[in-house]
Amino acid sequence: MPEITENKKKANKKTFEVSEKVTVESVSYKNKYGIIVAADMYLSKDIDKSKKYPALVIGTPYGGVKEQGAGIYAQNMAERGFVAIAFDESYNGESSGRPRHISSPDLFVEDFSAGVDFLGTRPFVDRNRIGAIGICGSGAFSVTAAQVDPRIKAVATASMYDMSRMIRKGWEDSMTDEERARALVQLGEQRWKDFENGTPLLPEGFPGEPADSIPEGLDPILSEFFEYYGMKRGHHPNAGAAFTVTSSMSFMNFPLMNYIDTISPRPILFIIGENAHSRYFSEDAYKMAAEPKELYIVPGARHIDLYDGGDNNYIPFDKLESFFKDNLGKDYNLTQGA
């Protein structure tokens, strides 16, 4: 994997302590576009590879990498008897693809299905019991993947962000048509500049080294993200949480979750913090989804507290375990259409 060698040394250390109850294996596989997806596969040390187990493909927060929150989820679910992979999205982290730090709704949705490809071909995985977990932006990507990939038998999201809605309509749908038109003109101009420069413009992300404090003057939402990405709590050198400027064009033209109701009869679990600034994304998606569905509110939690659990262990792993154990393996009739 020559394209990702430059990131390999950076990614060895995780932002959390690896459990003595699991083994972690670096794996890779191609998605349908030929991009090499890098992932960490977590297995319980008690696994008997002559048997078959339920499995989960787990996506990172938008701008994050597998060594952060997604790895925490994969590790905890592996301890509970699941085969779990946490992956880096195409063009980011250890995954291949150039130019770097492209963000694409189509590719990021595809990366979930590519994870199902990989898991379903492991001899110790029951391919009829594969689910998905998406955190933050990957929450919407996991739901969108399930809309067209019936191999995903159950979906859970945590602190979900609908990035297409966010980029096209602005925070809480506050962007006007005029503002959007100006933004598209600017993006078109930037494409010419990128073409002439031979590389796309990448805005400055979070610092390369963890900061000791949150800079003054940041708005509350950016301050919260800085607390995670820019400080010791969640800092990782591969996670600058910045994407090329012109990546926004794809999101403005690619609505996510338009067919969320067609996931039924497969279940969806939306997990959101009581105090999360992103709460409305999950609440609105819950209204659009068909049964079976559940909205699970974590008391006291903010958006980033479902990335790593925070000091209060906010991530409801018992709920996730029961959700997937109750629903993976059911005989869903998926041939009737919606």
C-alpha atoms as a PDB file:
ATOM      1  CA  MET A   1       0.000   0.000   0.000  1.00  0.00           C
ATOM      2  CA  PRO A   2       2.494   2.684  -1.089  1.00  0.00           C
ATOM      3  CA  GLU A   3      -0.018   5.541  -0.909  1.00  0.00           C
ATOM      4  CA  ILE A   4      -0.625   5.158   2.806  1.00  0.00           C
ATOM      5  CA  THR A   5       2.911   4.429   3.987  1.00  0.00           C
ATOM      6  CA  GLU A   6       3.418   8.086   4.980  1.00  0.00           C
ATOM      7  CA  ASN A   7       0.599   7.812   7.505  1.00  0.00           C
ATOM      8  CA  LYS A   8       1.487   4.399   8.908  1.00  0.00           C
ATOM      9  CA  LYS A   9       4.024   5.538  11.473  1.00  0.00           C
ATOM     10  CA  LYS A  10       1.679   8.240  12.774  1.00  0.00           C
ATOM     11  CA  ALA A  11      -1.184   5.852  13.335  1.00  0.00           C
ATOM     12  CA  ASN A  12       0.419   3.251  15.596  1.00  0.00           C
ATOM     13  CA  LYS A  13      -0.709   4.888  18.819  1.00  0.00           C
ATOM     14  CA  LYS A  14      -4.381   5.005  19.664  1.00  0.00           C
ATOM     15  CA  THR A  15      -6.091   7.655  21.768  1.00  0.00           C
ATOM     16  CA  PHE A  16      -7.266   4.989  24.204  1.00  0.00           C
ATOM     17  CA  GLU A  17      -5.763   2.051  26.025  1.00  0.00           C
ATOM     18  CA  VAL A  18      -6.096  -1.252  24.200  1.00  0.00           C
ATOM     19  CA  SER A  19      -7.946  -3.810  26.297  1.00  0.00           C
ATOM     20  CA  GLU A  20      -6.228  -6.991  27.425  1.00  0.00           C
ATOM     21  CA  LYS A  21      -9.412  -8.826  26.436  1.00  0.00           C
ATOM     22  CA  VAL A  22      -9.014  -8.210  22.690  1.00  0.00           C
ATOM     23  CA  THR A  23      -6.568  -8.604  19.858  1.00  0.00           C
ATOM     24  CA  VAL A  24      -6.207  -5.899  17.207  1.00  0.00           C
ATOM     25  CA  GLU A  25      -5.178  -6.691  13.650  1.00  0.00           C
ATOM     26  CA  SER A  26      -4.471  -4.140  10.918  1.00  0.00           C
ATOM     27  CA  VAL A  27      -6.388  -5.189   7.810  1.00  0.00           C
ATOM     28  CA  SER A  28      -7.085  -3.678   4.405  1.00  0.00           C
ATOM     29  CA  TYR A  29      -9.421  -4.295   1.494  1.00  0.00           C
ATOM     30  CA  LYS A  30     -10.554  -2.521  -1.666  1.00  0.00           C
ATOM     31  CA  ASN A  31     -13.879  -0.771  -2.101  1.00  0.00           C
ATOM     32  CA  LYS A  32     -15.685  -0.918  -5.448  1.00  0.00           C
ATOM     33  CA  TYR A  33     -13.725   2.109  -6.696  1.00  0.00           C
ATOM     34  CA  GLY A  34     -10.387   0.392  -6.088  1.00  0.00           C
ATOM     35  CA  ILE A  35      -9.491   2.526  -3.063  1.00  0.00           C
ATOM     36  CA  ILE A  36      -7.667   0.549  -0.381  1.00  0.00           C
ATOM     37  CA  VAL A  37      -9.543   0.937   2.896  1.00  0.00           C
ATOM     38  CA  ALA A  38      -7.434   0.562   6.034  1.00  0.00           C
ATOM     39  CA  ALA A  39      -9.104  -0.821   9.143  1.00  0.00           C
ATOM     40  CA  ASP A  40      -8.395  -2.263  12.555  1.00  0.00           C
ATOM     41  CA  MET A  41     -10.143  -5.555  13.291  1.00  0.00           C
ATOM     42  CA  TYR A  42     -10.937  -6.211  16.939  1.00  0.00           C
ATOM     43  CA  LEU A  43     -11.492  -9.767  18.158  1.00  0.00           C
ATOM     44  CA  SER A  44     -12.123 -11.147  21.613  1.00  0.00           C
ATOM     45  CA  LYS A  45      -9.206 -13.205  22.848  1.00  0.00           C
ATOM     46  CA  ASP A  46     -11.774 -15.900  23.605  1.00  0.00           C
ATOM     47  CA  ILE A  47     -12.847 -16.204  19.961  1.00  0.00           C
ATOM     48  CA  ASP A  48     -13.031 -19.687  18.480  1.00  0.00           C
ATOM     49  CA  LYS A  49     -12.380 -19.197  14.774  1.00  0.00           C
ATOM     50  CA  SER A  50     -13.981 -22.537  13.965  1.00  0.00           C
ATOM     51  CA  LYS A  51     -17.320 -20.905  14.841  1.00  0.00           C
ATOM     52  CA  LYS A  52     -19.186 -17.965  13.287  1.00  0.00           C
ATOM     53  CA  TYR A  53     -19.876 -14.668  15.050  1.00  0.00           C
ATOM     54  CA  PRO A  54     -21.942 -11.530  14.474  1.00  0.00           C
ATOM     55  CA  ALA A  55     -19.949  -8.604  13.115  1.00  0.00           C
ATOM     56  CA  LEU A  56     -20.016  -4.812  12.997  1.00  0.00           C
ATOM     57  CA  VAL A  57     -18.498  -2.250  10.650  1.00  0.00           C
ATOM     58  CA  ILE A  58     -17.873   1.025  12.493  1.00  0.00           C
ATOM     59  CA  GLY A  59     -17.292   4.443  10.950  1.00  0.00           C
ATOM     60  CA  THR A  60     -15.408   7.373  12.440  1.00  0.00           C
ATOM     61  CA  PRO A  61     -16.679  10.817  13.379  1.00  0.00           C
ATOM     62  CA  TYR A  62     -16.481  13.204  10.416  1.00  0.00           C
ATOM     63  CA  GLY A  63     -12.802  14.107  10.176  1.00  0.00           C
ATOM     64  CA  GLY A  64     -11.688  11.456  12.649  1.00  0.00           C
ATOM     65  CA  VAL A  65      -9.682   8.271  12.248  1.00  0.00           C
ATOM     66  CA  LYS A  66      -9.999   4.689  13.408  1.00  0.00           C
ATOM     67  CA  GLU A  67      -7.533   5.166  16.252  1.00  0.00           C
ATOM     68  CA  GLN A  68     -10.048   7.433  18.027  1.00  0.00           C
ATOM     69  CA  GLY A  69     -13.746   6.928  18.785  1.00  0.00           C
ATOM     70  CA  ALA A  70     -14.469   4.245  16.196  1.00  0.00           C
ATOM     71  CA  GLY A  71     -11.748   2.092  17.741  1.00  0.00           C
ATOM     72  CA  ILE A  72     -13.280   2.545  21.189  1.00  0.00           C
ATOM     73  CA  TYR A  73     -16.616   1.282  19.891  1.00  0.00           C
ATOM     74  CA  ALA A  74     -14.976  -1.630  18.050  1.00  0.00           C
ATOM     75  CA  GLN A  75     -12.988  -2.665  21.097  1.00  0.00           C
ATOM     76  CA  ASN A  76     -15.963  -2.606  23.434  1.00  0.00           C
ATOM     77  CA  MET A  77     -18.175  -4.518  21.024  1.00  0.00           C
ATOM     78  CA  ALA A  78     -15.414  -7.106  20.490  1.00  0.00           C
ATOM     79  CA  GLU A  79     -15.298  -7.643  24.239  1.00  0.00           C
ATOM     80  CA  ARG A  80     -19.023  -8.427  24.002  1.00  0.00           C
ATOM     81  CA  GLY A  81     -18.613 -11.124  21.381  1.00  0.00           C
ATOM     82  CA  PHE A  82     -18.720  -9.269  18.062  1.00  0.00           C
ATOM     83  CA  VAL A  83     -16.124  -9.209  15.316  1.00  0.00           C
ATOM     84  CA  ALA A  84     -15.669  -5.474  14.802  1.00  0.00           C
ATOM     85  CA  ILE A  85     -13.749  -3.311  12.363  1.00  0.00           C
ATOM     86  CA  ALA A  86     -13.083   0.416  12.668  1.00  0.00           C
ATOM     87  CA  PHE A  87     -12.044   1.912   9.330  1.00  0.00           C
ATOM     88  CA  ASP A  88     -10.556   5.068   7.841  1.00  0.00           C
ATOM     89  CA  GLU A  89     -12.623   6.625   5.063  1.00  0.00           C
ATOM     90  CA  SER A  90     -11.231   6.702   1.528  1.00  0.00           C
ATOM     91  CA  TYR A  91      -8.605   9.420   0.958  1.00  0.00           C
ATOM     92  CA  ASN A  92      -8.148   9.859   4.702  1.00  0.00           C
ATOM     93  CA  GLY A  93      -6.164   8.370   7.569  1.00  0.00           C
ATOM     94  CA  GLU A  94      -4.295   5.251   6.474  1.00  0.00           C
ATOM     95  CA  SER A  95      -6.652   4.533   3.576  1.00  0.00           C
ATOM     96  CA  SER A  96      -5.403   5.211   0.063  1.00  0.00           C
ATOM     97  CA  GLY A  97      -6.549   7.742  -2.499  1.00  0.00           C
ATOM     98  CA  ARG A  98      -5.056  10.958  -3.847  1.00  0.00           C
ATOM     99  CA  PRO A  99      -5.280  13.858  -3.453  1.00  0.00           C
ATOM    100  CA  ARG A 100      -5.502  13.473   0.289  1.00  0.00           C
ATOM    101  CA  HIS A 101      -8.345  14.646   2.538  1.00  0.00           C
ATOM    102  CA  ILE A 102     -11.097  14.498  -0.032  1.00  0.00           C
ATOM    103  CA  SER A 103     -14.564  14.131   1.450  1.00  0.00           C
ATOM    104  CA  SER A 104     -17.241  12.410  -0.612  1.00  0.00           C
ATOM    105  CA  PRO A 105     -20.691  11.238   0.474  1.00  0.00           C
ATOM    106  CA  ASP A 106     -20.798   8.564  -2.212  1.00  0.00           C
ATOM    107  CA  LEU A 107     -17.357   7.207  -1.329  1.00  0.00           C
ATOM    108  CA  PHE A 108     -17.915   7.352   2.420  1.00  0.00           C
ATOM    109  CA  VAL A 109     -21.210   5.472   2.038  1.00  0.00           C
ATOM    110  CA  GLU A 110     -19.481   2.920  -0.181  1.00  0.00           C
ATOM    111  CA  ASP A 111     -16.812   2.388   2.467  1.00  0.00           C
ATOM    112  CA  PHE A 112     -19.455   0.888   4.770  1.00  0.00           C
ATOM    113  CA  SER A 113     -20.491  -1.630   2.120  1.00  0.00           C
ATOM    114  CA  ALA A 114     -16.838  -2.423   1.469  1.00  0.00           C
ATOM    115  CA  GLY A 115     -16.520  -3.224   5.159  1.00  0.00           C
ATOM    116  CA  VAL A 116     -19.444  -5.618   4.811  1.00  0.00           C
ATOM    117  CA  ASP A 117     -17.668  -7.209   1.823  1.00  0.00           C
ATOM    118  CA  PHE A 118     -14.627  -7.825   4.002  1.00  0.00           C
ATOM    119  CA  LEU A 119     -16.435  -9.058   7.087  1.00  0.00           C
ATOM    120  CA  GLY A 120     -18.795 -11.332   5.173  1.00  0.00           C
ATOM    121  CA  THR A 121     -15.872 -13.177   3.628  1.00  0.00           C
ATOM    122  CA  ARG A 122     -14.145 -13.967   6.948  1.00  0.00           C
ATOM    123  CA  PRO A 123     -14.686 -17.664   7.775  1.00  0.00           C
ATOM    124  CA  PHE A 124     -15.476 -16.843  11.418  1.00  0.00           C
ATOM    125  CA  VAL A 125     -18.170 -14.247  10.580  1.00  0.00           C
ATOM    126  CA  ASP A 126     -21.837 -15.068  10.042  1.00  0.00           C
ATOM    127  CA  ARG A 127     -22.595 -12.954   6.972  1.00  0.00           C
ATOM    128  CA  ASN A 128     -26.289 -12.975   7.880  1.00  0.00           C
ATOM    129  CA  ARG A 129     -25.495 -11.161  11.130  1.00  0.00           C
ATOM    130  CA  ILE A 130     -23.642  -8.011  10.100  1.00  0.00           C
ATOM    131  CA  GLY A 131     -24.562  -4.580  11.418  1.00  0.00           C
ATOM    132  CA  ALA A 132     -23.186  -1.050  11.258  1.00  0.00           C
ATOM    133  CA  ILE A 133     -22.425   1.728  13.716  1.00  0.00           C
ATOM    134  CA  GLY A 134     -21.865   5.285  12.523  1.00  0.00           C
ATOM    135  CA  ILE A 135     -20.554   8.075  14.743  1.00  0.00           C
ATOM    136  CA  CYS A 136     -21.183  11.756  13.936  1.00  0.00           C
ATOM    137  CA  GLY A 137     -20.971  12.169  10.131  1.00  0.00           C
ATOM    138  CA  SER A 138     -20.587   8.453   9.571  1.00  0.00           C
ATOM    139  CA  GLY A 139     -23.950   7.999  11.263  1.00  0.00           C
ATOM    140  CA  ALA A 140     -25.695   9.363   8.183  1.00  0.00           C
ATOM    141  CA  PHE A 141     -23.309   7.452   5.909  1.00  0.00           C
ATOM    142  CA  SER A 142     -24.147   4.177   7.675  1.00  0.00           C
ATOM    143  CA  VAL A 143     -27.887   4.808   7.335  1.00  0.00           C
ATOM    144  CA  THR A 144     -27.499   5.716   3.654  1.00  0.00           C
ATOM    145  CA  ALA A 145     -25.495   2.546   3.037  1.00  0.00           C
ATOM    146  CA  ALA A 146     -28.229   0.460   4.670  1.00  0.00           C
ATOM    147  CA  GLN A 147     -30.809   2.010   2.334  1.00  0.00           C
ATOM    148  CA  VAL A 148     -29.295   0.118  -0.606  1.00  0.00           C
ATOM    149  CA  ASP A 149     -27.306  -2.652   1.078  1.00  0.00           C
ATOM    150  CA  PRO A 150     -29.662  -5.222   2.641  1.00  0.00           C
ATOM    151  CA  ARG A 151     -26.672  -7.145   3.962  1.00  0.00           C
ATOM    152  CA  ILE A 152     -26.584  -4.549   6.766  1.00  0.00           C
ATOM    153  CA  LYS A 153     -29.169  -6.075   9.058  1.00  0.00           C
ATOM    154  CA  ALA A 154     -29.261  -3.376  11.764  1.00  0.00           C
ATOM    155  CA  VAL A 155     -27.880   0.163  12.132  1.00  0.00           C
ATOM    156  CA  ALA A 156     -26.984   2.266  15.166  1.00  0.00           C
ATOM    157  CA  THR A 157     -25.879   5.879  15.079  1.00  0.00           C
ATOM    158  CA  ALA A 158     -24.254   7.972  17.795  1.00  0.00           C
ATOM    159  CA  SER A 159     -24.207  11.798  17.767  1.00  0.00           C
ATOM    160  CA  MET A 160     -25.262  11.677  14.128  1.00  0.00           C
ATOM    161  CA  TYR A 161     -24.559  14.577  11.764  1.00  0.00           C
ATOM    162  CA  ASP A 162     -26.226  14.790   8.350  1.00  0.00           C
ATOM    163  CA  MET A 163     -23.329  16.426   6.517  1.00  0.00           C
ATOM    164  CA  SER A 164     -25.245  16.914   3.260  1.00  0.00           C
ATOM    165  CA  ARG A 165     -27.963  18.809   5.091  1.00  0.00           C
ATOM    166  CA  MET A 166     -25.396  20.754   7.088  1.00  0.00           C
ATOM    167  CA  ILE A 167     -23.374  21.817   4.053  1.00  0.00           C
ATOM    168  CA  ARG A 168     -26.316  22.547   1.747  1.00  0.00           C
ATOM    169  CA  LYS A 169     -28.639  24.212   4.270  1.00  0.00           C
ATOM    170  CA  GLY A 170     -26.323  25.469   7.007  1.00  0.00           C
ATOM    171  CA  TRP A 171     -26.596  25.112  10.751  1.00  0.00           C
ATOM    172  CA  GLU A 172     -30.225  24.470  11.720  1.00  0.00           C
ATOM    173  CA  ASP A 173     -31.178  25.051   8.052  1.00  0.00           C
ATOM    174  CA  SER A 174     -30.339  28.749   8.342  1.00  0.00           C
ATOM    175  CA  MET A 175     -28.623  29.173   4.947  1.00  0.00           C
ATOM    176  CA  THR A 176     -30.600  31.279   2.464  1.00  0.00           C
ATOM    177  CA  ASP A 177     -30.850  30.534  -1.249  1.00  0.00           C
ATOM    178  CA  GLU A 178     -28.755  33.617  -1.940  1.00  0.00           C
ATOM    179  CA  GLU A 179     -26.026  32.489   0.454  1.00  0.00           C
ATOM    180  CA  ARG A 180     -25.970  29.060  -1.159  1.00  0.00           C
ATOM    181  CA  ALA A 181     -25.733  30.559  -4.635  1.00  0.00           C
ATOM    182  CA  ARG A 182     -22.759  32.694  -3.564  1.00  0.00           C
ATOM    183  CA  ALA A 183     -21.087  29.681  -1.988  1.00  0.00           C
ATOM    184  CA  LEU A 184     -21.449  27.680  -5.196  1.00  0.00           C
ATOM    185  CA  VAL A 185     -19.960  30.512  -7.254  1.00  0.00           C
ATOM    186  CA  GLN A 186     -16.992  30.611  -4.885  1.00  0.00           C
ATOM    187  CA  LEU A 187     -16.579  26.839  -5.094  1.00  0.00           C
ATOM    188  CA  GLY A 188     -16.599  27.016  -8.872  1.00  0.00           C
ATOM    189  CA  GLU A 189     -13.886  29.663  -8.795  1.00  0.00           C
ATOM    190  CA  GLN A 190     -11.879  27.511  -6.396  1.00  0.00           C
ATOM    191  CA  ARG A 191     -11.989  24.600  -8.817  1.00  0.00           C
ATOM    192  CA  TRP A 192     -10.188  26.729 -11.431  1.00  0.00           C
ATOM    193  CA  LYS A 193      -7.560  27.679  -8.836  1.00  0.00           C
ATOM    194  CA  ASP A 194      -7.133  24.055  -7.800  1.00  0.00           C
ATOM    195  CA  PHE A 195      -6.726  22.999 -11.419  1.00  0.00           C
ATOM    196  CA  GLU A 196      -4.083  25.650 -12.066  1.00  0.00           C
ATOM    197  CA  ASN A 197      -2.238  24.848  -8.829  1.00  0.00           C
ATOM    198  CA  GLY A 198      -2.366  21.114  -9.459  1.00  0.00           C
ATOM    199  CA  THR A 199      -3.700  20.397  -5.985  1.00  0.00           C
ATOM    200  CA  PRO A 200      -6.940  21.187  -4.159  1.00  0.00           C
ATOM    201  CA  LEU A 201      -7.043  23.789  -1.402  1.00  0.00           C
ATOM    202  CA  LEU A 202      -7.068  22.236   2.057  1.00  0.00           C
ATOM    203  CA  PRO A 203      -8.052  24.604   4.871  1.00  0.00           C
ATOM    204  CA  GLU A 204      -6.123  24.553   8.120  1.00  0.00           C
ATOM    205  CA  GLY A 205      -7.426  21.948  10.516  1.00  0.00           C
ATOM    206  CA  PHE A 206      -6.771  21.300  14.176  1.00  0.00           C
ATOM    207  CA  PRO A 207      -3.154  21.612  15.382  1.00  0.00           C
ATOM    208  CA  GLY A 208      -0.594  18.922  14.665  1.00  0.00           C
ATOM    209  CA  GLU A 209       0.294  18.759  18.346  1.00  0.00           C
ATOM    210  CA  PRO A 210      -2.254  18.735  21.183  1.00  0.00           C
ATOM    211  CA  ALA A 211      -2.952  22.136  22.693  1.00  0.00           C
ATOM    212  CA  ASP A 212      -3.096  22.815  26.420  1.00  0.00           C
ATOM    213  CA  SER A 213      -6.263  24.896  26.248  1.00  0.00           C
ATOM    214  CA  ILE A 214      -9.104  25.938  23.965  1.00  0.00           C
ATOM    215  CA  PRO A 215      -8.277  29.181  22.104  1.00  0.00           C
ATOM    216  CA  GLU A 216     -10.294  32.217  23.081  1.00  0.00           C
ATOM    217  CA  GLY A 217     -12.996  33.462  20.745  1.00  0.00           C
ATOM    218  CA  LEU A 218     -14.220  30.132  19.387  1.00  0.00           C
ATOM    219  CA  ASP A 219     -17.971  29.627  19.193  1.00  0.00           C
ATOM    220  CA  PRO A 220     -19.421  26.941  21.510  1.00  0.00           C
ATOM    221  CA  ILE A 221     -19.659  24.266  18.815  1.00  0.00           C
ATOM    222  CA  LEU A 222     -16.117  24.752  17.503  1.00  0.00           C
ATOM    223  CA  SER A 223     -14.866  24.916  21.095  1.00  0.00           C
ATOM    224  CA  GLU A 224     -16.375  21.500  21.739  1.00  0.00           C
ATOM    225  CA  PHE A 225     -14.726  19.997  18.673  1.00  0.00           C
ATOM    226  CA  PHE A 226     -11.399  21.614  19.628  1.00  0.00           C
ATOM    227  CA  GLU A 227     -11.656  19.993  23.058  1.00  0.00           C
ATOM    228  CA  TYR A 228     -11.681  16.622  21.326  1.00  0.00           C
ATOM    229  CA  TYR A 229      -9.572  16.994  18.176  1.00  0.00           C
ATOM    230  CA  GLY A 230      -7.208  19.760  19.282  1.00  0.00           C
ATOM    231  CA  MET A 231      -6.365  18.657  22.818  1.00  0.00           C
ATOM    232  CA  LYS A 232      -4.973  15.562  24.485  1.00  0.00           C
ATOM    233  CA  ARG A 233      -8.438  14.045  24.937  1.00  0.00           C
ATOM    234  CA  GLY A 234      -8.811  12.900  21.333  1.00  0.00           C
ATOM    235  CA  HIS A 235      -5.870  14.339  19.411  1.00  0.00           C
ATOM    236  CA  HIS A 236      -4.348  12.167  16.712  1.00  0.00           C
ATOM    237  CA  PRO A 237      -1.852  13.343  14.059  1.00  0.00           C
ATOM    238  CA  ASN A 238      -3.888  11.770  11.249  1.00  0.00           C
ATOM    239  CA  ALA A 239      -7.073  13.587  12.278  1.00  0.00           C
ATOM    240  CA  GLY A 240      -6.853  17.253  11.392  1.00  0.00           C
ATOM    241  CA  ALA A 241     -10.607  17.186  10.782  1.00  0.00           C
ATOM    242  CA  ALA A 242     -10.262  19.231   7.591  1.00  0.00           C
ATOM    243  CA  PHE A 243     -11.300  18.375   4.037  1.00  0.00           C
ATOM    244  CA  THR A 244     -10.565  19.942   0.672  1.00  0.00           C
ATOM    245  CA  VAL A 245     -12.714  23.021   0.077  1.00  0.00           C
ATOM    246  CA  THR A 246     -14.331  21.760  -3.120  1.00  0.00           C
ATOM    247  CA  SER A 247     -15.477  18.559  -1.401  1.00  0.00           C
ATOM    248  CA  SER A 248     -18.506  20.595  -0.320  1.00  0.00           C
ATOM    249  CA  MET A 249     -19.889  20.542  -3.863  1.00  0.00           C
ATOM    250  CA  SER A 250     -20.578  16.821  -3.676  1.00  0.00           C
ATOM    251  CA  PHE A 251     -22.489  17.141  -0.422  1.00  0.00           C
ATOM    252  CA  MET A 252     -24.629  19.953  -1.786  1.00  0.00           C
ATOM    253  CA  ASN A 253     -25.591  17.649  -4.655  1.00  0.00           C
ATOM    254  CA  PHE A 254     -25.944  14.352  -2.756  1.00  0.00           C
ATOM    255  CA  PRO A 255     -28.711  14.272  -0.146  1.00  0.00           C
ATOM    256  CA  LEU A 256     -28.306  11.548   2.439  1.00  0.00           C
ATOM    257  CA  MET A 257     -31.045   9.410   4.003  1.00  0.00           C
ATOM    258  CA  ASN A 258     -33.766  10.293   1.462  1.00  0.00           C
ATOM    259  CA  TYR A 259     -34.913   6.675   1.557  1.00  0.00           C
ATOM    260  CA  ILE A 260     -34.449   5.992   5.250  1.00  0.00           C
ATOM    261  CA  ASP A 261     -37.975   4.582   5.517  1.00  0.00           C
ATOM    262  CA  THR A 262     -37.032   1.749   3.138  1.00  0.00           C
ATOM    263  CA  ILE A 263     -34.592   0.270   5.659  1.00  0.00           C
ATOM    264  CA  SER A 264     -37.591  -1.201   7.482  1.00  0.00           C
ATOM    265  CA  PRO A 265     -38.122  -3.963   8.614  1.00  0.00           C
ATOM    266  CA  ARG A 266     -34.459  -3.773   9.630  1.00  0.00           C
ATOM    267  CA  PRO A 267     -34.111  -1.689  12.822  1.00  0.00           C
ATOM    268  CA  ILE A 268     -32.365   1.632  13.446  1.00  0.00           C
ATOM    269  CA  LEU A 269     -31.141   2.864  16.819  1.00  0.00           C
ATOM    270  CA  PHE A 270     -30.393   6.593  17.133  1.00  0.00           C
ATOM    271  CA  ILE A 271     -28.247   7.452  20.171  1.00  0.00           C
ATOM    272  CA  ILE A 272     -27.832  11.120  21.064  1.00  0.00           C
ATOM    273  CA  GLY A 273     -26.703  13.111  24.075  1.00  0.00           C
ATOM    274  CA  GLU A 274     -29.277  15.099  26.006  1.00  0.00           C
ATOM    275  CA  ASN A 275     -27.172  18.241  25.630  1.00  0.00           C
ATOM    276  CA  ALA A 276     -25.787  17.557  22.129  1.00  0.00           C
ATOM    277  CA  HIS A 277     -25.830  20.525  19.770  1.00  0.00           C
ATOM    278  CA  SER A 278     -26.430  17.967  16.980  1.00  0.00           C
ATOM    279  CA  ARG A 279     -29.515  16.484  18.601  1.00  0.00           C
ATOM    280  CA  TYR A 280     -31.904  17.722  15.914  1.00  0.00           C
ATOM    281  CA  PHE A 281     -30.261  15.583  13.215  1.00  0.00           C
ATOM    282  CA  SER A 282     -31.146  12.359  15.045  1.00  0.00           C
ATOM    283  CA  GLU A 283     -34.590  13.555  16.080  1.00  0.00           C
ATOM    284  CA  ASP A 284     -35.492  14.476  12.509  1.00  0.00           C
ATOM    285  CA  ALA A 285     -34.082  11.237  11.088  1.00  0.00           C
ATOM    286  CA  TYR A 286     -36.039   9.285  13.691  1.00  0.00           C
ATOM    287  CA  LYS A 287     -39.257  10.946  12.506  1.00  0.00           C
ATOM    288  CA  MET A 288     -38.493  10.014   8.886  1.00  0.00           C
ATOM    289  CA  ALA A 289     -37.566   6.402   9.611  1.00  0.00           C
ATOM    290  CA  ALA A 290     -40.125   3.617   9.611  1.00  0.00           C
ATOM    291  CA  GLU A 291     -40.541   1.085  12.395  1.00  0.00           C
ATOM    292  CA  PRO A 292     -38.709  -0.594  14.005  1.00  0.00           C
ATOM    293  CA  LYS A 293     -36.775   2.386  15.290  1.00  0.00           C
ATOM    294  CA  GLU A 294     -35.646   3.821  18.613  1.00  0.00           C
ATOM    295  CA  LEU A 295     -34.325   7.176  19.801  1.00  0.00           C
ATOM    296  CA  TYR A 296     -32.109   6.724  22.859  1.00  0.00           C
ATOM    297  CA  ILE A 297     -31.201   9.878  24.808  1.00  0.00           C
ATOM    298  CA  VAL A 298     -28.099   9.779  27.010  1.00  0.00           C
ATOM    299  CA  PRO A 299     -28.681  12.035  30.044  1.00  0.00           C
ATOM    300  CA  GLY A 300     -26.154  14.843  30.440  1.00  0.00           C
ATOM    301  CA  ALA A 301     -24.074  13.962  27.364  1.00  0.00           C
ATOM    302  CA  ARG A 302     -22.849  16.436  24.770  1.00  0.00           C
ATOM    303  CA  HIS A 303     -22.048  15.656  21.137  1.00  0.00           C
ATOM    304  CA  ILE A 304     -18.387  14.677  21.616  1.00  0.00           C
ATOM    305  CA  ASP A 305     -19.135  12.699  24.774  1.00  0.00           C
ATOM    306  CA  LEU A 306     -20.401   9.871  22.569  1.00  0.00           C
ATOM    307  CA  TYR A 307     -17.052   9.789  20.738  1.00  0.00           C
ATOM    308  CA  ASP A 308     -15.093   8.443  23.690  1.00  0.00           C
ATOM    309  CA  GLY A 309     -17.499   8.333  26.629  1.00  0.00           C
ATOM    310  CA  GLY A 310     -15.927  11.271  28.424  1.00  0.00           C
ATOM    311  CA  ASP A 311     -15.291  11.103  32.151  1.00  0.00           C
ATOM    312  CA  ASN A 312     -18.755   9.687  32.811  1.00  0.00           C
ATOM    313  CA  ASN A 313     -18.676   6.692  30.442  1.00  0.00           C
ATOM    314  CA  TYR A 314     -21.586   8.113  28.470  1.00  0.00           C
ATOM    315  CA  ILE A 315     -21.517   5.575  25.629  1.00  0.00           C
ATOM    316  CA  PRO A 316     -24.350   3.053  26.278  1.00  0.00           C
ATOM    317  CA  PHE A 317     -22.521  -0.111  25.295  1.00  0.00           C
ATOM    318  CA  ASP A 318     -25.035  -2.314  27.109  1.00  0.00           C
ATOM    319  CA  LYS A 319     -27.756  -0.808  24.918  1.00  0.00           C
ATOM    320  CA  LEU A 320     -25.706  -1.368  21.766  1.00  0.00           C
ATOM    321  CA  GLU A 321     -24.990  -4.961  22.757  1.00  0.00           C
ATOM    322  CA  SER A 322     -28.638  -5.788  23.373  1.00  0.00           C
ATOM    323  CA  PHE A 323     -29.761  -3.970  20.219  1.00  0.00           C
ATOM    324  CA  PHE A 324     -27.475  -5.940  17.937  1.00  0.00           C
ATOM    325  CA  LYS A 325     -27.827  -9.279  19.718  1.00  0.00           C
ATOM    326  CA  ASP A 326     -31.617  -8.954  19.585  1.00  0.00           C
ATOM    327  CA  ASN A 327     -31.733  -7.950  15.921  1.00  0.00           C
ATOM    328  CA  LEU A 328     -28.843  -9.496  14.028  1.00  0.00           C
ATOM    329  CA  GLY A 329     -29.864 -12.884  12.734  1.00  0.00           C
ATOM    330  CA  LYS A 330     -33.569 -12.206  12.431  1.00  0.00           C
ATOM    331  CA  ASP A 331     -35.193 -13.530   9.271  1.00  0.00           C
ATOM    332  CA  TYR A 332     -36.100 -10.223   7.622  1.00  0.00           C
ATOM    333  CA  ASN A 333     -38.214 -10.444   4.470  1.00  0.00           C
ATOM    334  CA  LEU A 334     -36.378  -7.953   2.257  1.00  0.00           C
ATOM    335  CA  THR A 335     -37.875  -8.935  -1.101  1.00  0.00           C
ATOM    336  CA  GLN A 336     -41.280  -7.277  -0.805  1.00  0.00           C
ATOM    337  CA  GLY A 337     -40.172  -3.710  -1.567  1.00  0.00           C
ATOM    338  CA  ALA A 338     -41.281  -0.549   0.164  1.00  0.00           C
END
